[in-house]
PDB file of all heavy atoms in Angstrom:
ATOM      1  N   ARG A   1       0.821  -1.214   0.013  1.00  0.00           N
ATOM      2  CA  ARG A   1       0.000  -0.003   0.000  1.00  0.00           C
ATOM      3  C   ARG A   1       0.861   1.269   0.011  1.00  0.00           C
ATOM      4  O   ARG A   1       0.531   2.234  -0.673  1.00  0.00           O
ATOM      5  CB  ARG A   1      -0.905  -0.007   1.240  1.00  0.00           C
ATOM      6  CG  ARG A   1      -1.871   1.178   1.299  1.00  0.00           C
ATOM      7  CD  ARG A   1      -2.662   1.152   2.594  1.00  0.00           C
ATOM      8  NE  ARG A   1      -3.420  -0.085   2.715  1.00  0.00           N
ATOM      9  CZ  ARG A   1      -4.082  -0.433   3.827  1.00  0.00           C
ATOM     10  NH1 ARG A   1      -4.049   0.365   4.883  1.00  0.00           N
ATOM     11  NH2 ARG A   1      -4.764  -1.563   3.879  1.00  0.00           N
ATOM     12  N   ARG A   2       1.977   1.257   0.739  1.00  0.00           N
ATOM     13  CA  ARG A   2       2.757   2.471   0.951  1.00  0.00           C
ATOM     14  C   ARG A   2       3.957   2.625   0.008  1.00  0.00           C
ATOM     15  O   ARG A   2       4.397   3.761  -0.233  1.00  0.00           O
ATOM     16  CB  ARG A   2       3.235   2.540   2.402  1.00  0.00           C
ATOM     17  CG  ARG A   2       2.091   2.579   3.407  1.00  0.00           C
ATOM     18  CD  ARG A   2       2.622   2.511   4.841  1.00  0.00           C
ATOM     19  NE  ARG A   2       1.544   2.438   5.805  1.00  0.00           N
ATOM     20  CZ  ARG A   2       0.921   3.484   6.302  1.00  0.00           C
ATOM     21  NH1 ARG A   2       1.283   4.693   5.930  1.00  0.00           N
ATOM     22  NH2 ARG A   2      -0.040   3.348   7.196  1.00  0.00           N
ATOM     23  N   SER A   3       4.491   1.515  -0.469  1.00  0.00           N
ATOM     24  CA  SER A   3       5.682   1.585  -1.330  1.00  0.00           C
ATOM     25  C   SER A   3       5.304   1.354  -2.778  1.00  0.00           C
ATOM     26  O   SER A   3       4.939   0.210  -3.148  1.00  0.00           O
ATOM     27  CB  SER A   3       6.725   0.543  -0.871  1.00  0.00           C
ATOM     28  OG  SER A   3       7.798   0.484  -1.766  1.00  0.00           O
ATOM     29  N   LYS A   4       5.405   2.377  -3.584  1.00  0.00           N
ATOM     30  CA  LYS A   4       5.066   2.256  -5.015  1.00  0.00           C
ATOM     31  C   LYS A   4       6.063   1.315  -5.703  1.00  0.00           C
ATOM     32  O   LYS A   4       5.696   0.524  -6.575  1.00  0.00           O
ATOM     33  CB  LYS A   4       5.094   3.615  -5.684  1.00  0.00           C
ATOM     34  CG  LYS A   4       4.670   3.613  -7.131  1.00  0.00           C
ATOM     35  CD  LYS A   4       4.663   4.995  -7.718  1.00  0.00           C
ATOM     36  CE  LYS A   4       4.178   4.977  -9.171  1.00  0.00           C
ATOM     37  NZ  LYS A   4       4.999   4.124 -10.049  1.00  0.00           N
ATOM     38  N   ARG A   5       7.321   1.392  -5.292  1.00  0.00           N
ATOM     39  CA  ARG A   5       8.340   0.532  -5.909  1.00  0.00           C
ATOM     40  C   ARG A   5       8.042  -0.953  -5.665  1.00  0.00           C
ATOM     41  O   ARG A   5       8.162  -1.777  -6.566  1.00  0.00           O
ATOM     42  CB  ARG A   5       9.719   0.896  -5.336  1.00  0.00           C
ATOM     43  CG  ARG A   5      10.882   0.214  -6.014  1.00  0.00           C
ATOM     44  CD  ARG A   5      12.200   0.770  -5.480  1.00  0.00           C
ATOM     45  NE  ARG A   5      13.322   0.119  -6.104  1.00  0.00           N
ATOM     46  CZ  ARG A   5      14.595   0.374  -5.809  1.00  0.00           C
ATOM     47  NH1 ARG A   5      14.887   1.299  -4.904  1.00  0.00           N
ATOM     48  NH2 ARG A   5      15.579  -0.277  -6.415  1.00  0.00           N
ATOM     49  N   PHE A   6       7.668  -1.289  -4.423  1.00  0.00           N
ATOM     50  CA  PHE A   6       7.326  -2.675  -4.103  1.00  0.00           C
ATOM     51  C   PHE A   6       6.087  -3.155  -4.838  1.00  0.00           C
ATOM     52  O   PHE A   6       6.032  -4.259  -5.363  1.00  0.00           O
ATOM     53  CB  PHE A   6       7.138  -2.812  -2.591  1.00  0.00           C
ATOM     54  CG  PHE A   6       6.829  -4.199  -2.127  1.00  0.00           C
ATOM     55  CD1 PHE A   6       7.788  -5.202  -2.195  1.00  0.00           C
ATOM     56  CD2 PHE A   6       5.578  -4.535  -1.625  1.00  0.00           C
ATOM     57  CE1 PHE A   6       7.544  -6.491  -1.764  1.00  0.00           C
ATOM     58  CE2 PHE A   6       5.305  -5.823  -1.203  1.00  0.00           C
ATOM     59  CZ  PHE A   6       6.293  -6.808  -1.266  1.00  0.00           C
ATOM     60  N   ALA A   7       5.063  -2.264  -4.897  1.00  0.00           N
ATOM     61  CA  ALA A   7       3.819  -2.605  -5.616  1.00  0.00           C
ATOM     62  C   ALA A   7       4.095  -2.806  -7.105  1.00  0.00           C
ATOM     63  O   ALA A   7       3.557  -3.737  -7.720  1.00  0.00           O
ATOM     64  CB  ALA A   7       2.786  -1.515  -5.401  1.00  0.00           C
ATOM     65  N   ASP A   8       4.963  -1.965  -7.692  1.00  0.00           N
ATOM     66  CA  ASP A   8       5.310  -2.120  -9.103  1.00  0.00           C
ATOM     67  C   ASP A   8       6.060  -3.432  -9.336  1.00  0.00           C
ATOM     68  O   ASP A   8       5.846  -4.115 -10.344  1.00  0.00           O
ATOM     69  CB  ASP A   8       6.173  -0.939  -9.563  1.00  0.00           C
ATOM     70  CG  ASP A   8       5.389   0.360  -9.580  1.00  0.00           C
ATOM     71  OD1 ASP A   8       4.158   0.320  -9.374  1.00  0.00           O
ATOM     72  OD2 ASP A   8       6.008   1.434  -9.785  1.00  0.00           O
ATOM     73  N   TRP A   9       6.933  -3.791  -8.383  1.00  0.00           N
ATOM     74  CA  TRP A   9       7.682  -5.052  -8.510  1.00  0.00           C
ATOM     75  C   TRP A   9       6.727  -6.247  -8.470  1.00  0.00           C
ATOM     76  O   TRP A   9       6.873  -7.203  -9.220  1.00  0.00           O
ATOM     77  CB  TRP A   9       8.691  -5.151  -7.374  1.00  0.00           C
ATOM     78  CG  TRP A   9       9.454  -6.437  -7.367  1.00  0.00           C
ATOM     79  CD1 TRP A   9      10.514  -6.787  -8.164  1.00  0.00           C
ATOM     80  CD2 TRP A   9       9.210  -7.572  -6.506  1.00  0.00           C
ATOM     81  NE1 TRP A   9      10.929  -8.046  -7.852  1.00  0.00           N
ATOM     82  CE2 TRP A   9      10.145  -8.568  -6.841  1.00  0.00           C
ATOM     83  CE3 TRP A   9       8.311  -7.833  -5.471  1.00  0.00           C
ATOM     84  CZ2 TRP A   9      10.197  -9.779  -6.198  1.00  0.00           C
ATOM     85  CZ3 TRP A   9       8.353  -9.061  -4.839  1.00  0.00           C
ATOM     86  CH2 TRP A   9       9.276 -10.012  -5.204  1.00  0.00           C
ATOM     87  N   LEU A  10       5.716  -6.190  -7.589  1.00  0.00           N
ATOM     88  CA  LEU A  10       4.719  -7.249  -7.511  1.00  0.00           C
ATOM     89  C   LEU A  10       3.946  -7.400  -8.808  1.00  0.00           C
ATOM     90  O   LEU A  10       3.633  -8.511  -9.256  1.00  0.00           O
ATOM     91  CB  LEU A  10       3.764  -6.990  -6.355  1.00  0.00           C
ATOM     92  CG  LEU A  10       4.258  -7.232  -4.943  1.00  0.00           C
ATOM     93  CD1 LEU A  10       3.206  -6.849  -3.915  1.00  0.00           C
ATOM     94  CD2 LEU A  10       4.702  -8.680  -4.738  1.00  0.00           C
ATOM     95  N   ASP A  11       3.609  -6.244  -9.429  1.00  0.00           N
ATOM     96  CA  ASP A  11       2.903  -6.287 -10.725  1.00  0.00           C
ATOM     97  C   ASP A  11       3.739  -6.997 -11.779  1.00  0.00           C
ATOM     98  O   ASP A  11       3.212  -7.746 -12.617  1.00  0.00           O
ATOM     99  CB  ASP A  11       2.562  -4.873 -11.167  1.00  0.00           C
ATOM    100  CG  ASP A  11       1.414  -4.271 -10.388  1.00  0.00           C
ATOM    101  OD1 ASP A  11       0.673  -5.037  -9.737  1.00  0.00           O
ATOM    102  OD2 ASP A  11       1.254  -3.033 -10.404  1.00  0.00           O
ATOM    103  N   GLY A  12       5.056  -6.726 -11.768  1.00  0.00           N
ATOM    104  CA  GLY A  12       5.929  -7.395 -12.727  1.00  0.00           C
ATOM    105  C   GLY A  12       6.030  -8.887 -12.469  1.00  0.00           C
ATOM    106  O   GLY A  12       6.027  -9.706 -13.401  1.00  0.00           O
ATOM    107  N   VAL A  13       6.089  -9.268 -11.184  1.00  0.00           N
ATOM    108  CA  VAL A  13       6.153 -10.699 -10.813  1.00  0.00           C
ATOM    109  C   VAL A  13       4.879 -11.414 -11.225  1.00  0.00           C
ATOM    110  O   VAL A  13       4.908 -12.567 -11.693  1.00  0.00           O
ATOM    111  CB  VAL A  13       6.402 -10.846  -9.303  1.00  0.00           C
ATOM    112  CG1 VAL A  13       6.216 -12.278  -8.851  1.00  0.00           C
ATOM    113  CG2 VAL A  13       7.779 -10.353  -8.938  1.00  0.00           C
ATOM    114  N   ALA A  14       3.716 -10.745 -11.040  1.00  0.00           N
ATOM    115  CA  ALA A  14       2.427 -11.353 -11.379  1.00  0.00           C
ATOM    116  C   ALA A  14       2.374 -11.756 -12.851  1.00  0.00           C
ATOM    117  O   ALA A  14       1.786 -12.788 -13.202  1.00  0.00           O
ATOM    118  CB  ALA A  14       1.298 -10.397 -11.035  1.00  0.00           C
ATOM    119  N   LEU A  15       2.993 -10.967 -13.727  1.00  0.00           N
ATOM    120  CA  LEU A  15       2.988 -11.269 -15.156  1.00  0.00           C
ATOM    121  C   LEU A  15       3.903 -12.447 -15.519  1.00  0.00           C
ATOM    122  O   LEU A  15       3.744 -13.063 -16.562  1.00  0.00           O
ATOM    123  CB  LEU A  15       3.442 -10.045 -15.961  1.00  0.00           C
ATOM    124  CG  LEU A  15       2.462  -8.861 -15.954  1.00  0.00           C
ATOM    125  CD1 LEU A  15       3.151  -7.613 -16.526  1.00  0.00           C
ATOM    126  CD2 LEU A  15       1.204  -9.181 -16.738  1.00  0.00           C
ATOM    127  N   LYS A  16       4.851 -12.774 -14.594  1.00  0.00           N
ATOM    128  CA  LYS A  16       5.822 -13.839 -14.891  1.00  0.00           C
ATOM    129  C   LYS A  16       5.470 -15.165 -14.212  1.00  0.00           C
ATOM    130  O   LYS A  16       6.206 -16.139 -14.357  1.00  0.00           O
ATOM    131  CB  LYS A  16       7.220 -13.391 -14.442  1.00  0.00           C
ATOM    132  CG  LYS A  16       7.752 -12.186 -15.203  1.00  0.00           C
ATOM    133  CD  LYS A  16       9.067 -11.702 -14.633  1.00  0.00           C
ATOM    134  CE  LYS A  16       9.542 -10.458 -15.361  1.00  0.00           C
ATOM    135  NZ  LYS A  16      10.798  -9.907 -14.794  1.00  0.00           N
ATOM    136  N   LEU A  17       4.376 -15.199 -13.465  1.00  0.00           N
ATOM    137  CA  LEU A  17       3.978 -16.439 -12.807  1.00  0.00           C
ATOM    138  C   LEU A  17       3.678 -17.524 -13.839  1.00  0.00           C
ATOM    139  O   LEU A  17       3.117 -17.215 -14.897  1.00  0.00           O
ATOM    140  CB  LEU A  17       2.747 -16.205 -11.928  1.00  0.00           C
ATOM    141  CG  LEU A  17       2.950 -15.324 -10.692  1.00  0.00           C
ATOM    142  CD1 LEU A  17       1.633 -15.068  -9.993  1.00  0.00           C
ATOM    143  CD2 LEU A  17       3.951 -15.968  -9.731  1.00  0.00           C
ATOM    144  N   PRO A  18       4.062 -18.773 -13.577  1.00  0.00           N
ATOM    145  CA  PRO A  18       3.927 -19.840 -14.584  1.00  0.00           C
ATOM    146  C   PRO A  18       2.533 -20.004 -15.187  1.00  0.00           C
ATOM    147  O   PRO A  18       2.372 -20.075 -16.371  1.00  0.00           O
ATOM    148  CB  PRO A  18       4.350 -21.110 -13.812  1.00  0.00           C
ATOM    149  CG  PRO A  18       5.171 -20.598 -12.676  1.00  0.00           C
ATOM    150  CD  PRO A  18       4.638 -19.252 -12.339  1.00  0.00           C
ATOM    151  N   ILE A  19       1.510 -20.087 -14.349  1.00  0.00           N
ATOM    152  CA  ILE A  19       0.166 -20.357 -14.842  1.00  0.00           C
ATOM    153  C   ILE A  19      -0.706 -19.093 -14.800  1.00  0.00           C
ATOM    154  O   ILE A  19      -1.364 -18.721 -15.788  1.00  0.00           O
ATOM    155  CB  ILE A  19      -0.505 -21.470 -13.996  1.00  0.00           C
ATOM    156  CG1 ILE A  19       0.314 -22.760 -14.106  1.00  0.00           C
ATOM    157  CG2 ILE A  19      -1.919 -21.739 -14.483  1.00  0.00           C
ATOM    158  CD1 ILE A  19      -0.149 -23.867 -13.206  1.00  0.00           C
ATOM    159  N   LEU A  20      -0.660 -18.391 -13.668  1.00  0.00           N
ATOM    160  CA  LEU A  20      -1.532 -17.226 -13.483  1.00  0.00           C
ATOM    161  C   LEU A  20      -1.056 -16.026 -14.303  1.00  0.00           C
ATOM    162  O   LEU A  20      -1.858 -15.109 -14.572  1.00  0.00           O
ATOM    163  CB  LEU A  20      -1.580 -16.842 -12.005  1.00  0.00           C
ATOM    164  CG  LEU A  20      -2.258 -17.863 -11.078  1.00  0.00           C
ATOM    165  CD1 LEU A  20      -2.127 -17.432  -9.637  1.00  0.00           C
ATOM    166  CD2 LEU A  20      -3.730 -18.008 -11.432  1.00  0.00           C
ATOM    167  N   GLY A  21       0.211 -16.018 -14.699  1.00  0.00           N
ATOM    168  CA  GLY A  21       0.737 -14.887 -15.452  1.00  0.00           C
ATOM    169  C   GLY A  21      -0.018 -14.637 -16.765  1.00  0.00           C
ATOM    170  O   GLY A  21      -0.279 -13.481 -17.133  1.00  0.00           O
ATOM    171  N   THR A  22      -0.380 -15.707 -17.447  1.00  0.00           N
ATOM    172  CA  THR A  22      -1.134 -15.577 -18.718  1.00  0.00           C
ATOM    173  C   THR A  22      -2.507 -14.964 -18.466  1.00  0.00           C
ATOM    174  O   THR A  22      -2.974 -14.121 -19.252  1.00  0.00           O
ATOM    175  CB  THR A  22      -1.283 -16.951 -19.383  1.00  0.00           C
ATOM    176  OG1 THR A  22       0.012 -17.525 -19.576  1.00  0.00           O
ATOM    177  CG2 THR A  22      -1.964 -16.827 -20.725  1.00  0.00           C
ATOM    178  N   VAL A  23      -3.145 -15.392 -17.380  1.00  0.00           N
ATOM    179  CA  VAL A  23      -4.468 -14.849 -17.061  1.00  0.00           C
ATOM    180  C   VAL A  23      -4.385 -13.364 -16.736  1.00  0.00           C
ATOM    181  O   VAL A  23      -5.213 -12.562 -17.209  1.00  0.00           O
ATOM    182  CB  VAL A  23      -5.080 -15.619 -15.873  1.00  0.00           C
ATOM    183  CG1 VAL A  23      -6.469 -15.092 -15.522  1.00  0.00           C
ATOM    184  CG2 VAL A  23      -5.171 -17.111 -16.191  1.00  0.00           C
ATOM    185  N   VAL A  24      -3.364 -12.989 -15.953  1.00  0.00           N
ATOM    186  CA  VAL A  24      -3.160 -11.590 -15.603  1.00  0.00           C
ATOM    187  C   VAL A  24      -2.895 -10.749 -16.845  1.00  0.00           C
ATOM    188  O   VAL A  24      -3.457  -9.660 -17.026  1.00  0.00           O
ATOM    189  CB  VAL A  24      -2.015 -11.440 -14.569  1.00  0.00           C
ATOM    190  CG1 VAL A  24      -1.710  -9.962 -14.330  1.00  0.00           C
ATOM    191  CG2 VAL A  24      -2.348 -12.126 -13.260  1.00  0.00           C
ATOM    192  N   HIS A  25      -2.059 -11.289 -17.746  1.00  0.00           N
ATOM    193  CA  HIS A  25      -1.726 -10.573 -19.002  1.00  0.00           C
ATOM    194  C   HIS A  25      -2.996 -10.340 -19.847  1.00  0.00           C
ATOM    195  O   HIS A  25      -3.249  -9.218 -20.299  1.00  0.00           O
ATOM    196  CB  HIS A  25      -0.708 -11.383 -19.789  1.00  0.00           C
ATOM    197  CG  HIS A  25      -0.476 -10.891 -21.182  1.00  0.00           C
ATOM    198  ND1 HIS A  25      -1.181 -11.362 -22.267  1.00  0.00           N
ATOM    199  CD2 HIS A  25       0.339  -9.938 -21.675  1.00  0.00           C
ATOM    200  CE1 HIS A  25      -0.794 -10.728 -23.361  1.00  0.00           C
ATOM    201  NE2 HIS A  25       0.143  -9.874 -23.023  1.00  0.00           N
ATOM    202  N   ASP A  26      -3.805 -11.390 -20.024  1.00  0.00           N
ATOM    203  CA  ASP A  26      -5.017 -11.253 -20.836  1.00  0.00           C
ATOM    204  C   ASP A  26      -5.995 -10.288 -20.178  1.00  0.00           C
ATOM    205  O   ASP A  26      -6.685  -9.529 -20.890  1.00  0.00           O
ATOM    206  CB  ASP A  26      -5.673 -12.618 -21.010  1.00  0.00           C
ATOM    207  CG  ASP A  26      -4.898 -13.526 -21.953  1.00  0.00           C
ATOM    208  OD1 ASP A  26      -3.954 -13.034 -22.604  1.00  0.00           O
ATOM    209  OD2 ASP A  26      -5.221 -14.729 -22.017  1.00  0.00           O
ATOM    210  N   ALA A  27      -6.062 -10.312 -18.854  1.00  0.00           N
ATOM    211  CA  ALA A  27      -6.963  -9.401 -18.144  1.00  0.00           C
ATOM    212  C   ALA A  27      -6.532  -7.938 -18.326  1.00  0.00           C
ATOM    213  O   ALA A  27      -7.391  -7.048 -18.525  1.00  0.00           O
ATOM    214  CB  ALA A  27      -7.003  -9.744 -16.673  1.00  0.00           C
ATOM    215  N   VAL A  28      -5.231  -7.703 -18.300  1.00  0.00           N
ATOM    216  CA  VAL A  28      -4.718  -6.321 -18.496  1.00  0.00           C
ATOM    217  C   VAL A  28      -5.008  -5.835 -19.926  1.00  0.00           C
ATOM    218  O   VAL A  28      -5.431  -4.693 -20.139  1.00  0.00           O
ATOM    219  CB  VAL A  28      -3.217  -6.264 -18.193  1.00  0.00           C
ATOM    220  CG1 VAL A  28      -2.639  -4.896 -18.601  1.00  0.00           C
ATOM    221  CG2 VAL A  28      -2.942  -6.511 -16.719  1.00  0.00           C
ATOM    222  N   ILE A  29      -4.804  -6.721 -20.900  1.00  0.00           N
ATOM    223  CA  ILE A  29      -5.092  -6.350 -22.303  1.00  0.00           C
ATOM    224  C   ILE A  29      -6.583  -6.075 -22.481  1.00  0.00           C
ATOM    225  O   ILE A  29      -6.965  -5.097 -23.169  1.00  0.00           O
ATOM    226  CB  ILE A  29      -4.623  -7.491 -23.260  1.00  0.00           C
ATOM    227  CG1 ILE A  29      -3.112  -7.716 -23.151  1.00  0.00           C
ATOM    228  CG2 ILE A  29      -5.016  -7.140 -24.698  1.00  0.00           C
ATOM    229  CD1 ILE A  29      -2.281  -6.504 -23.499  1.00  0.00           C
ATOM    230  N   ALA A  30      -7.423  -6.888 -21.874  1.00  0.00           N
ATOM    231  CA  ALA A  30      -8.862  -6.677 -21.968  1.00  0.00           C
ATOM    232  C   ALA A  30      -9.263  -5.344 -21.332  1.00  0.00           C
ATOM    233  O   ALA A  30     -10.068  -4.585 -21.889  1.00  0.00           O
ATOM    234  CB  ALA A  30      -9.616  -7.815 -21.287  1.00  0.00           C
ATOM    235  N   ARG A  31      -8.668  -5.043 -20.210  1.00  0.00           N
ATOM    236  CA  ARG A  31      -8.992  -3.793 -19.515  1.00  0.00           C
ATOM    237  C   ARG A  31      -8.498  -2.575 -20.319  1.00  0.00           C
ATOM    238  O   ARG A  31      -9.197  -1.558 -20.416  1.00  0.00           O
ATOM    239  CB  ARG A  31      -8.364  -3.794 -18.121  1.00  0.00           C
ATOM    240  CG  ARG A  31      -8.873  -2.696 -17.243  1.00  0.00           C
ATOM    241  CD  ARG A  31      -8.493  -2.931 -15.800  1.00  0.00           C
ATOM    242  NE  ARG A  31      -9.092  -1.936 -14.922  1.00  0.00           N
ATOM    243  CZ  ARG A  31      -8.985  -1.949 -13.607  1.00  0.00           C
ATOM    244  NH1 ARG A  31      -8.324  -2.915 -13.032  1.00  0.00           N
ATOM    245  NH2 ARG A  31      -9.555  -1.004 -12.879  1.00  0.00           N
ATOM    246  N   PHE A  32      -7.299  -2.687 -20.872  1.00  0.00           N
ATOM    247  CA  PHE A  32      -6.757  -1.604 -21.709  1.00  0.00           C
ATOM    248  C   PHE A  32      -7.685  -1.331 -22.908  1.00  0.00           C
ATOM    249  O   PHE A  32      -8.052  -0.181 -23.178  1.00  0.00           O
ATOM    250  CB  PHE A  32      -5.364  -1.986 -22.202  1.00  0.00           C
ATOM    251  CG  PHE A  32      -4.867  -1.142 -23.352  1.00  0.00           C
ATOM    252  CD1 PHE A  32      -4.355   0.128 -23.147  1.00  0.00           C
ATOM    253  CD2 PHE A  32      -4.905  -1.627 -24.672  1.00  0.00           C
ATOM    254  CE1 PHE A  32      -3.901   0.894 -24.203  1.00  0.00           C
ATOM    255  CE2 PHE A  32      -4.455  -0.870 -25.732  1.00  0.00           C
ATOM    256  CZ  PHE A  32      -3.950   0.406 -25.490  1.00  0.00           C
ATOM    257  N   SER A  33      -8.080  -2.392 -23.580  1.00  0.00           N
ATOM    258  CA  SER A  33      -8.928  -2.247 -24.763  1.00  0.00           C
ATOM    259  C   SER A  33     -10.299  -1.689 -24.410  1.00  0.00           C
ATOM    260  O   SER A  33     -10.826  -0.805 -25.089  1.00  0.00           O
ATOM    261  CB  SER A  33      -9.077  -3.610 -25.469  1.00  0.00           C
ATOM    262  OG  SER A  33      -7.831  -4.178 -25.764  1.00  0.00           O
ATOM    263  N   ARG A  34     -10.882  -2.209 -23.319  1.00  0.00           N
ATOM    264  CA  ARG A  34     -12.205  -1.756 -22.903  1.00  0.00           C
ATOM    265  C   ARG A  34     -12.183  -0.289 -22.477  1.00  0.00           C
ATOM    266  O   ARG A  34     -13.058   0.502 -22.848  1.00  0.00           O
ATOM    267  CB  ARG A  34     -12.704  -2.641 -21.735  1.00  0.00           C
ATOM    268  CG  ARG A  34     -14.092  -2.273 -21.248  1.00  0.00           C
ATOM    269  CD  ARG A  34     -15.165  -2.564 -22.246  1.00  0.00           C
ATOM    270  NE  ARG A  34     -15.260  -3.975 -22.564  1.00  0.00           N
ATOM    271  CZ  ARG A  34     -15.909  -4.469 -23.590  1.00  0.00           C
ATOM    272  NH1 ARG A  34     -16.551  -3.650 -24.432  1.00  0.00           N
ATOM    273  NH2 ARG A  34     -15.930  -5.789 -23.814  1.00  0.00           N
ATOM    274  N   THR A  35     -11.165   0.108 -21.711  1.00  0.00           N
ATOM    275  CA  THR A  35     -11.108   1.491 -21.222  1.00  0.00           C
ATOM    276  C   THR A  35     -10.872   2.467 -22.364  1.00  0.00           C
ATOM    277  O   THR A  35     -11.562   3.496 -22.471  1.00  0.00           O
ATOM    278  CB  THR A  35      -9.950   1.621 -20.189  1.00  0.00           C
ATOM    279  OG1 THR A  35     -10.097   0.646 -19.157  1.00  0.00           O
ATOM    280  CG2 THR A  35      -9.957   3.004 -19.552  1.00  0.00           C
ATOM    281  N   LEU A  36      -9.921   2.131 -23.261  1.00  0.00           N
ATOM    282  CA  LEU A  36      -9.644   3.033 -24.391  1.00  0.00           C
ATOM    283  C   LEU A  36     -10.821   3.119 -25.335  1.00  0.00           C
ATOM    284  O   LEU A  36     -11.122   4.197 -25.843  1.00  0.00           O
ATOM    285  CB  LEU A  36      -8.378   2.553 -25.116  1.00  0.00           C
ATOM    286  CG  LEU A  36      -7.797   3.525 -26.169  1.00  0.00           C
ATOM    287  CD1 LEU A  36      -7.468   4.862 -25.538  1.00  0.00           C
ATOM    288  CD2 LEU A  36      -6.548   2.912 -26.785  1.00  0.00           C
ATOM    289  N   SER A  37     -11.509   2.008 -25.555  1.00  0.00           N
ATOM    290  CA  SER A  37     -12.677   2.008 -26.400  1.00  0.00           C
ATOM    291  C   SER A  37     -13.781   2.891 -25.829  1.00  0.00           C
ATOM    292  O   SER A  37     -14.396   3.683 -26.540  1.00  0.00           O
ATOM    293  CB  SER A  37     -13.198   0.566 -26.573  1.00  0.00           C
ATOM    294  OG  SER A  37     -14.447   0.541 -27.219  1.00  0.00           O
TER     295      SER A  37
END
C-alpha cells in the first residue's frame, strides 16, 4: 500500500507467474482495450 516501488515489482512478478501470469496478462489487455474504447 505504501511503497510504489514494491507494488510495481509485484505487478511485474504477477505477469511472470507460470500459470496465473497468462491470465493476468489477458486481463490487463482486456482492460486496456475496454477502457480506451
